[in-house]
Amino acid sequence: TNYAVNKHNSEYIENNEASDNEEGCSKRSLNWLWKYLQSKQYNCVSVWENICHVINKTMISIQAHLSHCYRNCKSADNPNPLTCFEILGFDIMLTDTLKPVLLEVNHTPSFRTDSLLDHRIK
């Protein structure tokens, strides 16, 4: 949703380079973020751990719903406990103090590849 809205902004700068040079682009990879934060002497391990905490807490809060969806997808006569899986997309924003804030969880994240960056990371 965020990208679907932002790509129509007149100030949106698309990343269509084959390299990983994402400076100045509106959409960047996680790899670019880690390099940027390291160049500013931030503790990337701590930032990642805090992001993981947000995701883990979110997963705990939605576990009952995910279990319900799983049971509805699995036939009663299938004895295999590992029948299906689900991919969730977590949109997380970092504040100016690098605190992760959950924006949304995408139940069906997009796998569209509109740019070369999308091809690299998806």
PDB file of N, CA and C in Angstrom:
ATOM      1  N   THR A   1       0.826  -1.190   0.000  1.00  0.00           N
ATOM      2  CA  THR A   1       0.000   0.000   0.000  1.00  0.00           C
ATOM      3  C   THR A   1       0.869   1.253   0.000  1.00  0.00           C
ATOM      4  N   ASN A   2       1.880   1.299   0.845  1.00  0.00           N
ATOM      5  CA  ASN A   2       2.708   2.497   0.922  1.00  0.00           C
ATOM      6  C   ASN A   2       3.358   2.809  -0.421  1.00  0.00           C
ATOM      7  N   TYR A   3       3.957   1.813  -1.043  1.00  0.00           N
ATOM      8  CA  TYR A   3       4.587   2.008  -2.341  1.00  0.00           C
ATOM      9  C   TYR A   3       3.546   2.340  -3.406  1.00  0.00           C
ATOM     10  N   ALA A   4       2.407   1.667  -3.363  1.00  0.00           N
ATOM     11  CA  ALA A   4       1.352   1.898  -4.356  1.00  0.00           C
ATOM     12  C   ALA A   4       0.890   3.353  -4.344  1.00  0.00           C
ATOM     13  N   VAL A   5       0.892   3.974  -3.175  1.00  0.00           N
ATOM     14  CA  VAL A   5       0.506   5.382  -3.059  1.00  0.00           C
ATOM     15  C   VAL A   5       1.686   6.289  -3.412  1.00  0.00           C
ATOM     16  N   ASN A   6       2.852   5.992  -2.837  1.00  0.00           N
ATOM     17  CA  ASN A   6       4.016   6.868  -3.000  1.00  0.00           C
ATOM     18  C   ASN A   6       4.520   6.957  -4.437  1.00  0.00           C
ATOM     19  N   LYS A   7       4.384   5.893  -5.206  1.00  0.00           N
ATOM     20  CA  LYS A   7       4.945   5.911  -6.574  1.00  0.00           C
ATOM     21  C   LYS A   7       4.255   6.933  -7.472  1.00  0.00           C
ATOM     22  N   HIS A   8       3.092   7.425  -7.056  1.00  0.00           N
ATOM     23  CA  HIS A   8       2.378   8.436  -7.854  1.00  0.00           C
ATOM     24  C   HIS A   8       2.710   9.866  -7.421  1.00  0.00           C
ATOM     25  N   ASN A   9       3.529  10.025  -6.384  1.00  0.00           N
ATOM     26  CA  ASN A   9       3.927  11.341  -5.906  1.00  0.00           C
ATOM     27  C   ASN A   9       4.898  11.958  -6.914  1.00  0.00           C
ATOM     28  N   SER A  10       4.745  13.236  -7.189  1.00  0.00           N
ATOM     29  CA  SER A  10       5.612  13.907  -8.164  1.00  0.00           C
ATOM     30  C   SER A  10       7.076  13.929  -7.723  1.00  0.00           C
ATOM     31  N   GLU A  11       7.347  13.772  -6.444  1.00  0.00           N
ATOM     32  CA  GLU A  11       8.715  13.791  -5.935  1.00  0.00           C
ATOM     33  C   GLU A  11       9.310  12.390  -5.776  1.00  0.00           C
ATOM     34  N   TYR A  12       8.568  11.359  -6.160  1.00  0.00           N
ATOM     35  CA  TYR A  12       9.055   9.987  -6.052  1.00  0.00           C
ATOM     36  C   TYR A  12      10.191   9.772  -7.037  1.00  0.00           C
ATOM     37  N   ILE A  13      11.311   9.214  -6.549  1.00  0.00           N
ATOM     38  CA  ILE A  13      12.471   8.926  -7.400  1.00  0.00           C
ATOM     39  C   ILE A  13      12.637   7.420  -7.468  1.00  0.00           C
ATOM     40  N   GLU A  14      12.403   6.861  -8.641  1.00  0.00           N
ATOM     41  CA  GLU A  14      12.464   5.412  -8.829  1.00  0.00           C
ATOM     42  C   GLU A  14      13.905   4.936  -8.914  1.00  0.00           C
ATOM     43  N   ASN A  15      14.138   3.725  -8.449  1.00  0.00           N
ATOM     44  CA  ASN A  15      15.456   3.108  -8.504  1.00  0.00           C
ATOM     45  C   ASN A  15      15.464   2.103  -9.647  1.00  0.00           C
ATOM     46  N   ASN A  16      16.102   2.476 -10.754  1.00  0.00           N
ATOM     47  CA  ASN A  16      16.176   1.576 -11.903  1.00  0.00           C
ATOM     48  C   ASN A  16      17.608   1.261 -12.293  1.00  0.00           C
ATOM     49  N   GLU A  17      18.516   1.344 -11.320  1.00  0.00           N
ATOM     50  CA  GLU A  17      19.903   1.001 -11.591  1.00  0.00           C
ATOM     51  C   GLU A  17      20.137  -0.470 -11.273  1.00  0.00           C
ATOM     52  N   ALA A  18      20.973  -1.098 -12.065  1.00  0.00           N
ATOM     53  CA  ALA A  18      21.291  -2.503 -11.831  1.00  0.00           C
ATOM     54  C   ALA A  18      22.196  -2.663 -10.610  1.00  0.00           C
ATOM     55  N   SER A  19      22.920  -1.605 -10.251  1.00  0.00           N
ATOM     56  CA  SER A  19      23.814  -1.682  -9.095  1.00  0.00           C
ATOM     57  C   SER A  19      23.025  -1.466  -7.807  1.00  0.00           C
ATOM     58  N   ASP A  20      23.729  -1.534  -6.695  1.00  0.00           N
ATOM     59  CA  ASP A  20      23.067  -1.298  -5.422  1.00  0.00           C
ATOM     60  C   ASP A  20      23.208   0.154  -4.965  1.00  0.00           C
ATOM     61  N   ASN A  21      23.458   1.068  -5.901  1.00  0.00           N
ATOM     62  CA  ASN A  21      23.523   2.489  -5.595  1.00  0.00           C
ATOM     63  C   ASN A  21      22.099   3.032  -5.460  1.00  0.00           C
ATOM     64  N   GLU A  22      21.650   3.189  -4.232  1.00  0.00           N
ATOM     65  CA  GLU A  22      20.266   3.599  -3.976  1.00  0.00           C
ATOM     66  C   GLU A  22      20.180   4.999  -3.376  1.00  0.00           C
ATOM     67  N   GLU A  23      21.310   5.681  -3.301  1.00  0.00           N
ATOM     68  CA  GLU A  23      21.347   7.016  -2.721  1.00  0.00           C
ATOM     69  C   GLU A  23      20.419   7.955  -3.486  1.00  0.00           C
ATOM     70  N   GLY A  24      19.573   8.659  -2.772  1.00  0.00           N
ATOM     71  CA  GLY A  24      18.671   9.629  -3.391  1.00  0.00           C
ATOM     72  C   GLY A  24      17.378   9.039  -3.920  1.00  0.00           C
ATOM     73  N   CYS A  25      17.245   7.722  -3.891  1.00  0.00           N
ATOM     74  CA  CYS A  25      16.020   7.087  -4.383  1.00  0.00           C
ATOM     75  C   CYS A  25      14.968   7.054  -3.274  1.00  0.00           C
ATOM     76  N   SER A  26      13.724   6.953  -3.657  1.00  0.00           N
ATOM     77  CA  SER A  26      12.635   6.924  -2.686  1.00  0.00           C
ATOM     78  C   SER A  26      12.473   5.560  -2.028  1.00  0.00           C
ATOM     79  N   LYS A  27      12.836   4.517  -2.720  1.00  0.00           N
ATOM     80  CA  LYS A  27      12.701   3.151  -2.213  1.00  0.00           C
ATOM     81  C   LYS A  27      14.095   2.542  -2.139  1.00  0.00           C
ATOM     82  N   ARG A  28      14.431   2.013  -0.947  1.00  0.00           N
ATOM     83  CA  ARG A  28      15.776   1.478  -0.749  1.00  0.00           C
ATOM     84  C   ARG A  28      15.709   0.105  -0.097  1.00  0.00           C
ATOM     85  N   SER A  29      16.783  -0.645  -0.231  1.00  0.00           N
ATOM     86  CA  SER A  29      16.840  -1.995   0.332  1.00  0.00           C
ATOM     87  C   SER A  29      17.277  -1.949   1.791  1.00  0.00           C
ATOM     88  N   LEU A  30      17.038  -3.040   2.473  1.00  0.00           N
ATOM     89  CA  LEU A  30      17.497  -3.181   3.850  1.00  0.00           C
ATOM     90  C   LEU A  30      19.021  -3.155   3.895  1.00  0.00           C
ATOM     91  N   ASN A  31      19.661  -3.725   2.899  1.00  0.00           N
ATOM     92  CA  ASN A  31      21.121  -3.713   2.823  1.00  0.00           C
ATOM     93  C   ASN A  31      21.645  -2.276   2.780  1.00  0.00           C
ATOM     94  N   TRP A  32      20.974  -1.424   2.003  1.00  0.00           N
ATOM     95  CA  TRP A  32      21.366  -0.012   1.944  1.00  0.00           C
ATOM     96  C   TRP A  32      21.222   0.632   3.314  1.00  0.00           C
ATOM     97  N   LEU A  33      20.131   0.341   4.018  1.00  0.00           N
ATOM     98  CA  LEU A  33      19.901   0.914   5.338  1.00  0.00           C
ATOM     99  C   LEU A  33      21.015   0.534   6.298  1.00  0.00           C
ATOM    100  N   TRP A  34      21.409  -0.747   6.306  1.00  0.00           N
ATOM    101  CA  TRP A  34      22.470  -1.172   7.226  1.00  0.00           C
ATOM    102  C   TRP A  34      23.771  -0.444   6.924  1.00  0.00           C
ATOM    103  N   LYS A  35      24.116  -0.308   5.654  1.00  0.00           N
ATOM    104  CA  LYS A  35      25.346   0.413   5.288  1.00  0.00           C
ATOM    105  C   LYS A  35      25.275   1.873   5.721  1.00  0.00           C
ATOM    106  N   TYR A  36      24.122   2.482   5.524  1.00  0.00           N
ATOM    107  CA  TYR A  36      23.934   3.886   5.917  1.00  0.00           C
ATOM    108  C   TYR A  36      24.072   4.042   7.429  1.00  0.00           C
ATOM    109  N   LEU A  37      23.402   3.188   8.195  1.00  0.00           N
ATOM    110  CA  LEU A  37      23.461   3.286   9.652  1.00  0.00           C
ATOM    111  C   LEU A  37      24.878   3.028  10.167  1.00  0.00           C
ATOM    112  N   GLN A  38      25.571   2.071   9.567  1.00  0.00           N
ATOM    113  CA  GLN A  38      26.959   1.811   9.968  1.00  0.00           C
ATOM    114  C   GLN A  38      27.842   3.022   9.688  1.00  0.00           C
ATOM    115  N   SER A  39      27.614   3.693   8.554  1.00  0.00           N
ATOM    116  CA  SER A  39      28.416   4.878   8.216  1.00  0.00           C
ATOM    117  C   SER A  39      28.186   6.011   9.206  1.00  0.00           C
ATOM    118  N   LYS A  40      27.054   5.997   9.903  1.00  0.00           N
ATOM    119  CA  LYS A  40      26.729   7.006  10.918  1.00  0.00           C
ATOM    120  C   LYS A  40      27.047   6.511  12.327  1.00  0.00           C
ATOM    121  N   GLN A  41      27.716   5.347  12.414  1.00  0.00           N
ATOM    122  CA  GLN A  41      28.151   4.760  13.683  1.00  0.00           C
ATOM    123  C   GLN A  41      27.006   4.288  14.577  1.00  0.00           C
ATOM    124  N   TYR A  42      25.878   3.894  13.987  1.00  0.00           N
ATOM    125  CA  TYR A  42      24.775   3.348  14.769  1.00  0.00           C
ATOM    126  C   TYR A  42      24.981   1.847  14.961  1.00  0.00           C
ATOM    127  N   ASN A  43      24.393   1.318  16.016  1.00  0.00           N
ATOM    128  CA  ASN A  43      24.490  -0.099  16.334  1.00  0.00           C
ATOM    129  C   ASN A  43      23.399  -0.850  15.568  1.00  0.00           C
ATOM    130  N   CYS A  44      23.752  -1.406  14.428  1.00  0.00           N
ATOM    131  CA  CYS A  44      22.785  -2.101  13.568  1.00  0.00           C
ATOM    132  C   CYS A  44      22.237  -3.364  14.217  1.00  0.00           C
ATOM    133  N   VAL A  45      23.036  -4.036  15.007  1.00  0.00           N
ATOM    134  CA  VAL A  45      22.572  -5.244  15.687  1.00  0.00           C
ATOM    135  C   VAL A  45      21.435  -4.893  16.639  1.00  0.00           C
ATOM    136  N   SER A  46      21.586  -3.821  17.374  1.00  0.00           N
ATOM    137  CA  SER A  46      20.549  -3.378  18.302  1.00  0.00           C
ATOM    138  C   SER A  46      19.276  -2.965  17.561  1.00  0.00           C
ATOM    139  N   VAL A  47      19.433  -2.256  16.458  1.00  0.00           N
ATOM    140  CA  VAL A  47      18.273  -1.852  15.658  1.00  0.00           C
ATOM    141  C   VAL A  47      17.540  -3.092  15.154  1.00  0.00           C
ATOM    142  N   TRP A  48      18.282  -4.066  14.632  1.00  0.00           N
ATOM    143  CA  TRP A  48      17.669  -5.292  14.119  1.00  0.00           C
ATOM    144  C   TRP A  48      16.967  -6.064  15.238  1.00  0.00           C
ATOM    145  N   GLU A  49      17.602  -6.165  16.401  1.00  0.00           N
ATOM    146  CA  GLU A  49      16.972  -6.849  17.534  1.00  0.00           C
ATOM    147  C   GLU A  49      15.651  -6.171  17.918  1.00  0.00           C
ATOM    148  N   ASN A  50      15.633  -4.849  17.914  1.00  0.00           N
ATOM    149  CA  ASN A  50      14.404  -4.121  18.250  1.00  0.00           C
ATOM    150  C   ASN A  50      13.313  -4.348  17.203  1.00  0.00           C
ATOM    151  N   ILE A  51      13.700  -4.420  15.936  1.00  0.00           N
ATOM    152  CA  ILE A  51      12.733  -4.728  14.877  1.00  0.00           C
ATOM    153  C   ILE A  51      12.178  -6.137  15.089  1.00  0.00           C
ATOM    154  N   CYS A  52      13.056  -7.073  15.408  1.00  0.00           N
ATOM    155  CA  CYS A  52      12.618  -8.460  15.653  1.00  0.00           C
ATOM    156  C   CYS A  52      11.662  -8.537  16.837  1.00  0.00           C
ATOM    157  N   HIS A  53      11.904  -7.748  17.871  1.00  0.00           N
ATOM    158  CA  HIS A  53      11.000  -7.720  19.027  1.00  0.00           C
ATOM    159  C   HIS A  53       9.599  -7.272  18.610  1.00  0.00           C
ATOM    160  N   VAL A  54       9.530  -6.251  17.770  1.00  0.00           N
ATOM    161  CA  VAL A  54       8.229  -5.765  17.288  1.00  0.00           C
ATOM    162  C   VAL A  54       7.525  -6.863  16.494  1.00  0.00           C
ATOM    163  N   ILE A  55       8.259  -7.526  15.623  1.00  0.00           N
ATOM    164  CA  ILE A  55       7.672  -8.595  14.807  1.00  0.00           C
ATOM    165  C   ILE A  55       7.224  -9.756  15.688  1.00  0.00           C
ATOM    166  N   ASN A  56       8.052 -10.159  16.650  1.00  0.00           N
ATOM    167  CA  ASN A  56       7.684 -11.266  17.542  1.00  0.00           C
ATOM    168  C   ASN A  56       6.434 -10.949  18.346  1.00  0.00           C
ATOM    169  N   LYS A  57       6.355  -9.756  18.896  1.00  0.00           N
ATOM    170  CA  LYS A  57       5.170  -9.359  19.668  1.00  0.00           C
ATOM    171  C   LYS A  57       3.932  -9.327  18.786  1.00  0.00           C
ATOM    172  N   THR A  58       4.108  -8.885  17.551  1.00  0.00           N
ATOM    173  CA  THR A  58       2.975  -8.863  16.610  1.00  0.00           C
ATOM    174  C   THR A  58       2.524 -10.279  16.294  1.00  0.00           C
ATOM    175  N   MET A  59       3.473 -11.175  16.061  1.00  0.00           N
ATOM    176  CA  MET A  59       3.126 -12.573  15.766  1.00  0.00           C
ATOM    177  C   MET A  59       2.370 -13.207  16.932  1.00  0.00           C
ATOM    178  N   ILE A  60       2.790 -12.906  18.150  1.00  0.00           N
ATOM    179  CA  ILE A  60       2.081 -13.428  19.323  1.00  0.00           C
ATOM    180  C   ILE A  60       0.647 -12.913  19.340  1.00  0.00           C
ATOM    181  N   SER A  61       0.462 -11.634  19.010  1.00  0.00           N
ATOM    182  CA  SER A  61      -0.881 -11.053  19.073  1.00  0.00           C
ATOM    183  C   SER A  61      -1.810 -11.576  17.978  1.00  0.00           C
ATOM    184  N   ILE A  62      -1.250 -12.057  16.867  1.00  0.00           N
ATOM    185  CA  ILE A  62      -2.106 -12.540  15.767  1.00  0.00           C
ATOM    186  C   ILE A  62      -2.086 -14.060  15.635  1.00  0.00           C
ATOM    187  N   GLN A  63      -1.448 -14.742  16.563  1.00  0.00           N
ATOM    188  CA  GLN A  63      -1.298 -16.189  16.467  1.00  0.00           C
ATOM    189  C   GLN A  63      -2.638 -16.909  16.383  1.00  0.00           C
ATOM    190  N   ALA A  64      -3.602 -16.500  17.173  1.00  0.00           N
ATOM    191  CA  ALA A  64      -4.909 -17.174  17.147  1.00  0.00           C
ATOM    192  C   ALA A  64      -5.560 -17.052  15.773  1.00  0.00           C
ATOM    193  N   HIS A  65      -5.452 -15.874  15.169  1.00  0.00           N
ATOM    194  CA  HIS A  65      -6.032 -15.680  13.839  1.00  0.00           C
ATOM    195  C   HIS A  65      -5.297 -16.521  12.791  1.00  0.00           C
ATOM    196  N   LEU A  66      -3.976 -16.557  12.872  1.00  0.00           N
ATOM    197  CA  LEU A  66      -3.205 -17.362  11.915  1.00  0.00           C
ATOM    198  C   LEU A  66      -3.529 -18.849  12.064  1.00  0.00           C
ATOM    199  N   SER A  67      -3.694 -19.315  13.299  1.00  0.00           N
ATOM    200  CA  SER A  67      -4.065 -20.717  13.527  1.00  0.00           C
ATOM    201  C   SER A  67      -5.424 -21.029  12.932  1.00  0.00           C
ATOM    202  N   HIS A  68      -6.352 -20.108  13.090  1.00  0.00           N
ATOM    203  CA  HIS A  68      -7.692 -20.289  12.518  1.00  0.00           C
ATOM    204  C   HIS A  68      -7.608 -20.386  10.983  1.00  0.00           C
ATOM    205  N   CYS A  69      -6.850 -19.494  10.376  1.00  0.00           N
ATOM    206  CA  CYS A  69      -6.682 -19.526   8.912  1.00  0.00           C
ATOM    207  C   CYS A  69      -6.026 -20.832   8.471  1.00  0.00           C
ATOM    208  N   TYR A  70      -5.027 -21.276   9.217  1.00  0.00           N
ATOM    209  CA  TYR A  70      -4.332 -22.525   8.892  1.00  0.00           C
ATOM    210  C   TYR A  70      -5.296 -23.710   8.937  1.00  0.00           C
ATOM    211  N   ARG A  71      -6.086 -23.784  10.004  1.00  0.00           N
ATOM    212  CA  ARG A  71      -7.033 -24.894  10.142  1.00  0.00           C
ATOM    213  C   ARG A  71      -8.057 -24.886   9.000  1.00  0.00           C
ATOM    214  N   ASN A  72      -8.451 -23.710   8.536  1.00  0.00           N
ATOM    215  CA  ASN A  72      -9.411 -23.619   7.437  1.00  0.00           C
ATOM    216  C   ASN A  72      -8.806 -24.037   6.102  1.00  0.00           C
ATOM    217  N   CYS A  73      -7.486 -23.948   5.977  1.00  0.00           N
ATOM    218  CA  CYS A  73      -6.819 -24.328   4.724  1.00  0.00           C
ATOM    219  C   CYS A  73      -6.476 -25.812   4.680  1.00  0.00           C
ATOM    220  N   LYS A  74      -6.484 -26.448   5.816  1.00  0.00           N
ATOM    221  CA  LYS A  74      -6.061 -27.849   5.910  1.00  0.00           C
ATOM    222  C   LYS A  74      -7.285 -28.756   5.933  1.00  0.00           C
ATOM    223  N   SER A  75      -7.273 -29.768   5.105  1.00  0.00           N
ATOM    224  CA  SER A  75      -8.384 -30.718   5.116  1.00  0.00           C
ATOM    225  C   SER A  75      -8.289 -31.611   6.346  1.00  0.00           C
ATOM    226  N   ALA A  76      -9.420 -32.003   6.861  1.00  0.00           N
ATOM    227  CA  ALA A  76      -9.475 -32.801   8.098  1.00  0.00           C
ATOM    228  C   ALA A  76      -8.832 -34.173   7.929  1.00  0.00           C
ATOM    229  N   ASP A  77      -8.821 -34.716   6.715  1.00  0.00           N
ATOM    230  CA  ASP A  77      -8.275 -36.055   6.502  1.00  0.00           C
ATOM    231  C   ASP A  77      -6.771 -36.049   6.189  1.00  0.00           C
ATOM    232  N   ASN A  78      -6.124 -34.897   6.247  1.00  0.00           N
ATOM    233  CA  ASN A  78      -4.690 -34.805   5.978  1.00  0.00           C
ATOM    234  C   ASN A  78      -3.925 -34.921   7.296  1.00  0.00           C
ATOM    235  N   PRO A  79      -3.180 -36.034   7.504  1.00  0.00           N
ATOM    236  CA  PRO A  79      -2.462 -36.218   8.772  1.00  0.00           C
ATOM    237  C   PRO A  79      -1.167 -35.407   8.861  1.00  0.00           C
ATOM    238  N   ASN A  80      -0.694 -34.853   7.739  1.00  0.00           N
ATOM    239  CA  ASN A  80       0.560 -34.101   7.729  1.00  0.00           C
ATOM    240  C   ASN A  80       0.374 -32.778   8.478  1.00  0.00           C
ATOM    241  N   PRO A  81       1.168 -32.541   9.534  1.00  0.00           N
ATOM    242  CA  PRO A  81       1.008 -31.294  10.300  1.00  0.00           C
ATOM    243  C   PRO A  81       1.563 -30.065   9.575  1.00  0.00           C
ATOM    244  N   LEU A  82       2.382 -30.285   8.553  1.00  0.00           N
ATOM    245  CA  LEU A  82       2.995 -29.170   7.822  1.00  0.00           C
ATOM    246  C   LEU A  82       2.427 -29.106   6.412  1.00  0.00           C
ATOM    247  N   THR A  83       1.237 -28.572   6.301  1.00  0.00           N
ATOM    248  CA  THR A  83       0.531 -28.580   5.027  1.00  0.00           C
ATOM    249  C   THR A  83       0.699 -27.289   4.237  1.00  0.00           C
ATOM    250  N   CYS A  84       0.749 -26.166   4.920  1.00  0.00           N
ATOM    251  CA  CYS A  84       0.827 -24.892   4.204  1.00  0.00           C
ATOM    252  C   CYS A  84       1.593 -23.874   5.036  1.00  0.00           C
ATOM    253  N   PHE A  85       1.851 -22.739   4.437  1.00  0.00           N
ATOM    254  CA  PHE A  85       2.538 -21.654   5.126  1.00  0.00           C
ATOM    255  C   PHE A  85       1.967 -20.339   4.624  1.00  0.00           C
ATOM    256  N   GLU A  86       2.327 -19.268   5.300  1.00  0.00           N
ATOM    257  CA  GLU A  86       1.853 -17.951   4.903  1.00  0.00           C
ATOM    258  C   GLU A  86       3.004 -16.962   5.005  1.00  0.00           C
ATOM    259  N   ILE A  87       3.091 -16.094   4.022  1.00  0.00           N
ATOM    260  CA  ILE A  87       4.100 -15.045   4.025  1.00  0.00           C
ATOM    261  C   ILE A  87       3.414 -13.754   4.444  1.00  0.00           C
ATOM    262  N   LEU A  88       3.965 -13.102   5.452  1.00  0.00           N
ATOM    263  CA  LEU A  88       3.438 -11.828   5.919  1.00  0.00           C
ATOM    264  C   LEU A  88       4.450 -10.737   5.616  1.00  0.00           C
ATOM    265  N   GLY A  89       3.961  -9.556   5.304  1.00  0.00           N
ATOM    266  CA  GLY A  89       4.827  -8.410   5.064  1.00  0.00           C
ATOM    267  C   GLY A  89       4.690  -7.412   6.199  1.00  0.00           C
ATOM    268  N   PHE A  90       5.793  -7.097   6.851  1.00  0.00           N
ATOM    269  CA  PHE A  90       5.779  -6.149   7.961  1.00  0.00           C
ATOM    270  C   PHE A  90       6.326  -4.807   7.490  1.00  0.00           C
ATOM    271  N   ASP A  91       5.513  -3.766   7.588  1.00  0.00           N
ATOM    272  CA  ASP A  91       5.964  -2.411   7.273  1.00  0.00           C
ATOM    273  C   ASP A  91       6.324  -1.743   8.583  1.00  0.00           C
ATOM    274  N   ILE A  92       7.617  -1.447   8.719  1.00  0.00           N
ATOM    275  CA  ILE A  92       8.125  -0.868   9.955  1.00  0.00           C
ATOM    276  C   ILE A  92       8.869   0.420   9.626  1.00  0.00           C
ATOM    277  N   MET A  93       8.553   1.450  10.387  1.00  0.00           N
ATOM    278  CA  MET A  93       9.210   2.742  10.242  1.00  0.00           C
ATOM    279  C   MET A  93      10.145   2.920  11.441  1.00  0.00           C
ATOM    280  N   LEU A  94      11.292   3.535  11.202  1.00  0.00           N
ATOM    281  CA  LEU A  94      12.210   3.861  12.289  1.00  0.00           C
ATOM    282  C   LEU A  94      12.081   5.343  12.611  1.00  0.00           C
ATOM    283  N   THR A  95      11.963   5.652  13.899  1.00  0.00           N
ATOM    284  CA  THR A  95      11.895   7.051  14.313  1.00  0.00           C
ATOM    285  C   THR A  95      13.288   7.665  14.231  1.00  0.00           C
ATOM    286  N   ASP A  96      13.389   8.935  14.558  1.00  0.00           N
ATOM    287  CA  ASP A  96      14.695   9.603  14.526  1.00  0.00           C
ATOM    288  C   ASP A  96      15.646   9.044  15.575  1.00  0.00           C
ATOM    289  N   THR A  97      15.127   8.320  16.566  1.00  0.00           N
ATOM    290  CA  THR A  97      15.974   7.654  17.563  1.00  0.00           C
ATOM    291  C   THR A  97      16.133   6.162  17.248  1.00  0.00           C
ATOM    292  N   LEU A  98      15.709   5.759  16.051  1.00  0.00           N
ATOM    293  CA  LEU A  98      15.808   4.390  15.546  1.00  0.00           C
ATOM    294  C   LEU A  98      14.912   3.408  16.284  1.00  0.00           C
ATOM    295  N   LYS A  99      13.852   3.907  16.885  1.00  0.00           N
ATOM    296  CA  LYS A  99      12.864   3.031  17.507  1.00  0.00           C
ATOM    297  C   LYS A  99      11.940   2.519  16.401  1.00  0.00           C
ATOM    298  N   PRO A 100      11.771   1.199  16.277  1.00  0.00           N
ATOM    299  CA  PRO A 100      10.883   0.669  15.237  1.00  0.00           C
ATOM    300  C   PRO A 100       9.412   0.836  15.625  1.00  0.00           C
ATOM    301  N   VAL A 101       8.632   1.272  14.650  1.00  0.00           N
ATOM    302  CA  VAL A 101       7.195   1.449  14.832  1.00  0.00           C
ATOM    303  C   VAL A 101       6.492   0.650  13.746  1.00  0.00           C
ATOM    304  N   LEU A 102       5.597  -0.239  14.150  1.00  0.00           N
ATOM    305  CA  LEU A 102       4.853  -1.049  13.186  1.00  0.00           C
ATOM    306  C   LEU A 102       3.790  -0.192  12.507  1.00  0.00           C
ATOM    307  N   LEU A 103       3.842  -0.117  11.181  1.00  0.00           N
ATOM    308  CA  LEU A 103       2.826   0.611  10.424  1.00  0.00           C
ATOM    309  C   LEU A 103       1.666  -0.300  10.058  1.00  0.00           C
ATOM    310  N   GLU A 104       2.005  -1.483   9.522  1.00  0.00           N
ATOM    311  CA  GLU A 104       0.966  -2.438   9.136  1.00  0.00           C
ATOM    312  C   GLU A 104       1.593  -3.799   8.889  1.00  0.00           C
ATOM    313  N   VAL A 105       0.729  -4.809   8.911  1.00  0.00           N
ATOM    314  CA  VAL A 105       1.124  -6.162   8.521  1.00  0.00           C
ATOM    315  C   VAL A 105       0.303  -6.500   7.295  1.00  0.00           C
ATOM    316  N   ASN A 106       0.996  -6.838   6.221  1.00  0.00           N
ATOM    317  CA  ASN A 106       0.321  -7.204   4.982  1.00  0.00           C
ATOM    318  C   ASN A 106       0.073  -8.704   4.964  1.00  0.00           C
ATOM    319  N   HIS A 107      -1.193  -9.065   4.935  1.00  0.00           N
ATOM    320  CA  HIS A 107      -1.602 -10.470   4.915  1.00  0.00           C
ATOM    321  C   HIS A 107      -1.257 -11.121   3.576  1.00  0.00           C
ATOM    322  N   THR A 108      -1.266 -10.324   2.521  1.00  0.00           N
ATOM    323  CA  THR A 108      -0.883 -10.795   1.185  1.00  0.00           C
ATOM    324  C   THR A 108       0.062  -9.761   0.566  1.00  0.00           C
ATOM    325  N   PRO A 109       1.347  -9.795   0.945  1.00  0.00           N
ATOM    326  CA  PRO A 109       2.285  -8.795   0.423  1.00  0.00           C
ATOM    327  C   PRO A 109       2.494  -8.947  -1.077  1.00  0.00           C
ATOM    328  N   SER A 110       2.777  -7.840  -1.702  1.00  0.00           N
ATOM    329  CA  SER A 110       2.968  -7.819  -3.150  1.00  0.00           C
ATOM    330  C   SER A 110       4.319  -8.414  -3.533  1.00  0.00           C
ATOM    331  N   PHE A 111       4.313  -9.178  -4.595  1.00  0.00           N
ATOM    332  CA  PHE A 111       5.555  -9.685  -5.168  1.00  0.00           C
ATOM    333  C   PHE A 111       5.798  -9.097  -6.551  1.00  0.00           C
ATOM    334  N   ARG A 112       5.092  -7.985  -6.844  1.00  0.00           N
ATOM    335  CA  ARG A 112       5.322  -7.286  -8.108  1.00  0.00           C
ATOM    336  C   ARG A 112       6.735  -6.738  -8.133  1.00  0.00           C
ATOM    337  N   THR A 113       7.298  -6.705  -9.302  1.00  0.00           N
ATOM    338  CA  THR A 113       8.646  -6.172  -9.471  1.00  0.00           C
ATOM    339  C   THR A 113       8.590  -5.057 -10.505  1.00  0.00           C
ATOM    340  N   ASP A 114       8.348  -3.850 -10.013  1.00  0.00           N
ATOM    341  CA  ASP A 114       8.215  -2.687 -10.889  1.00  0.00           C
ATOM    342  C   ASP A 114       9.556  -2.041 -11.223  1.00  0.00           C
ATOM    343  N   SER A 115      10.606  -2.381 -10.489  1.00  0.00           N
ATOM    344  CA  SER A 115      11.908  -1.753 -10.713  1.00  0.00           C
ATOM    345  C   SER A 115      13.008  -2.806 -10.592  1.00  0.00           C
ATOM    346  N   LEU A 116      14.219  -2.404 -10.978  1.00  0.00           N
ATOM    347  CA  LEU A 116      15.357  -3.313 -10.831  1.00  0.00           C
ATOM    348  C   LEU A 116      15.637  -3.612  -9.355  1.00  0.00           C
ATOM    349  N   LEU A 117      15.367  -2.632  -8.488  1.00  0.00           N
ATOM    350  CA  LEU A 117      15.524  -2.886  -7.058  1.00  0.00           C
ATOM    351  C   LEU A 117      14.604  -4.002  -6.608  1.00  0.00           C
ATOM    352  N   ASP A 118      13.356  -3.980  -7.060  1.00  0.00           N
ATOM    353  CA  ASP A 118      12.405  -5.044  -6.715  1.00  0.00           C
ATOM    354  C   ASP A 118      12.927  -6.411  -7.169  1.00  0.00           C
ATOM    355  N   HIS A 119      13.511  -6.463  -8.360  1.00  0.00           N
ATOM    356  CA  HIS A 119      14.055  -7.737  -8.861  1.00  0.00           C
ATOM    357  C   HIS A 119      15.194  -8.231  -7.972  1.00  0.00           C
ATOM    358  N   ARG A 120      16.001  -7.301  -7.453  1.00  0.00           N
ATOM    359  CA  ARG A 120      17.114  -7.698  -6.591  1.00  0.00           C
ATOM    360  C   ARG A 120      16.640  -8.215  -5.234  1.00  0.00           C
ATOM    361  N   ILE A 121      15.612  -7.594  -4.649  1.00  0.00           N
ATOM    362  CA  ILE A 121      15.270  -7.940  -3.274  1.00  0.00           C
ATOM    363  C   ILE A 121      14.100  -8.913  -3.145  1.00  0.00           C
ATOM    364  N   LYS A 122      13.348  -9.115  -4.209  1.00  0.00           N
ATOM    365  CA  LYS A 122      12.210 -10.032  -4.117  1.00  0.00           C
ATOM    366  C   LYS A 122      12.557 -11.328  -4.788  1.00  0.00           C
TER     367      LYS A 122
END
